[in-house]
């Protein structure tokens, strides 16, 4: 996995990386919008995620009506790459419980 992430990072153009970082720094806080989400929502977080720690994900879950959270053990920030089996299992469980056209 580290090799693949390194490849992805090296393939990115520096101006694109800089633009993305500046956009993230300047984006407004949209926390208050979470309460308005009305579709089935899954939050996936790695238990060792230092950029978006599980506590922040739990806070997000508390603000989204009927949101589901999956905390993946021994996983960091790039959960889908670090723990694809756990990520896919959490997503499959979530999708199996979603009924099309119905709110959670």
Protein backbone atom coordinates (compact mmCIF):
# COMPACT_ATOMS: atom_id res chain seq x y z
CA UNK A 1 0.00 0.00 0.00
CA UNK A 2 2.70 2.60 0.75
CA UNK A 3 4.13 2.12 -2.73
CA UNK A 4 0.76 2.78 -4.38
CA UNK A 5 0.18 5.92 -2.32
CA UNK A 6 3.67 7.13 -3.20
CA UNK A 7 2.95 6.55 -6.89
CA UNK A 8 -0.27 8.55 -6.63
CA UNK A 9 1.46 11.40 -4.84
CA UNK A 10 4.34 11.55 -7.31
CA UNK A 11 1.92 11.54 -10.24
CA UNK A 12 0.15 14.65 -8.95
CA UNK A 13 1.27 17.99 -10.33
CA UNK A 14 2.57 20.39 -7.64
CA UNK A 15 0.27 23.26 -8.72
CA UNK A 16 -2.73 20.94 -8.39
CA UNK A 17 -1.64 19.85 -4.91
CA UNK A 18 -1.11 23.47 -3.84
CA UNK A 19 -4.53 24.49 -5.21
CA UNK A 20 -6.25 21.64 -3.37
CA UNK A 21 -4.53 22.51 -0.10
CA UNK A 22 -5.45 26.19 -0.38
CA UNK A 23 -9.06 25.30 -1.18
CA UNK A 24 -9.25 23.04 1.89
CA UNK A 25 -7.75 25.76 4.09
CA UNK A 26 -10.22 28.37 2.88
CA UNK A 27 -13.38 26.29 2.84
CA UNK A 28 -16.12 27.38 5.21
CA UNK A 29 -17.21 25.21 8.11
CA UNK A 30 -20.31 23.32 6.98
CA UNK A 31 -20.91 21.42 10.22
CA UNK A 32 -24.36 22.97 10.62
CA UNK A 33 -25.46 21.44 7.30
CA UNK A 34 -25.02 17.88 8.61
CA UNK A 35 -28.38 17.93 10.39
CA UNK A 36 -30.09 18.44 7.03
CA UNK A 37 -28.81 15.20 5.52
CA UNK A 38 -31.78 12.93 4.93
CA UNK A 39 -30.28 10.04 2.97
CA UNK A 40 -28.69 6.89 4.40
CA UNK A 41 -25.21 7.86 5.54
CA UNK A 42 -22.17 5.75 6.36
CA UNK A 43 -19.11 7.28 8.01
CA UNK A 44 -16.00 5.13 7.77
CA UNK A 45 -12.97 5.99 9.88
CA UNK A 46 -9.79 4.21 10.84
CA UNK A 47 -9.21 3.86 14.56
CA UNK A 48 -5.67 5.23 14.05
CA UNK A 49 -6.70 8.11 11.78
CA UNK A 50 -4.76 11.14 12.99
CA UNK A 51 -6.09 13.60 10.39
CA UNK A 52 -9.76 12.87 11.06
CA UNK A 53 -9.77 11.03 14.40
CA UNK A 54 -12.63 8.69 15.31
CA UNK A 55 -13.89 11.23 17.88
CA UNK A 56 -14.55 13.75 15.10
CA UNK A 57 -16.31 11.06 13.08
CA UNK A 58 -18.50 10.22 16.08
CA UNK A 59 -19.35 13.91 16.41
CA UNK A 60 -20.31 13.98 12.73
CA UNK A 61 -22.44 10.87 13.20
CA UNK A 62 -24.26 12.51 16.10
CA UNK A 63 -25.24 15.45 13.86
CA UNK A 64 -26.53 13.38 10.91
CA UNK A 65 -29.93 11.80 11.56
CA UNK A 66 -29.65 8.00 11.70
CA UNK A 67 -26.07 7.94 10.40
CA UNK A 68 -24.08 4.74 10.73
CA UNK A 69 -20.40 4.67 11.66
CA UNK A 70 -17.80 1.99 11.04
CA UNK A 71 -14.49 2.30 12.91
CA UNK A 72 -11.92 0.06 11.27
CA UNK A 73 -9.31 -1.44 13.62
CA UNK A 74 -5.59 -0.96 12.99
CA UNK A 75 -6.38 1.49 10.18
CA UNK A 76 -5.32 5.08 9.56
CA UNK A 77 -6.59 7.90 7.36
CA UNK A 78 -6.69 6.04 4.04
CA UNK A 79 -9.05 3.31 5.21
CA UNK A 80 -10.06 2.06 1.78
CA UNK A 81 -6.40 1.54 0.81
CA UNK A 82 -5.04 0.42 4.18
CA UNK A 83 -7.83 -1.99 5.00
CA UNK A 84 -9.78 -2.75 1.81
CA UNK A 85 -11.35 -5.90 3.24
CA UNK A 86 -12.66 -4.10 6.31
CA UNK A 87 -13.76 -1.11 4.27
CA UNK A 88 -15.62 -3.26 1.75
CA UNK A 89 -17.23 -5.34 4.51
CA UNK A 90 -18.48 -2.18 6.27
CA UNK A 91 -19.80 -0.77 3.02
CA UNK A 92 -21.50 -4.04 2.08
CA UNK A 93 -23.19 -4.29 5.51
CA UNK A 94 -24.40 -0.72 5.17
CA UNK A 95 -25.68 -1.13 1.61
CA UNK A 96 -27.41 -4.39 2.48
CA UNK A 97 -29.46 -2.44 5.02
CA UNK A 98 -30.44 0.40 2.69
CA UNK A 99 -33.85 0.20 1.08
CA UNK A 100 -34.12 2.22 -2.14
CA UNK A 101 -36.43 5.20 -1.91
CA UNK A 102 -36.75 5.11 1.88
CA UNK A 103 -35.21 7.51 4.35
CA UNK A 104 -33.22 5.93 7.19
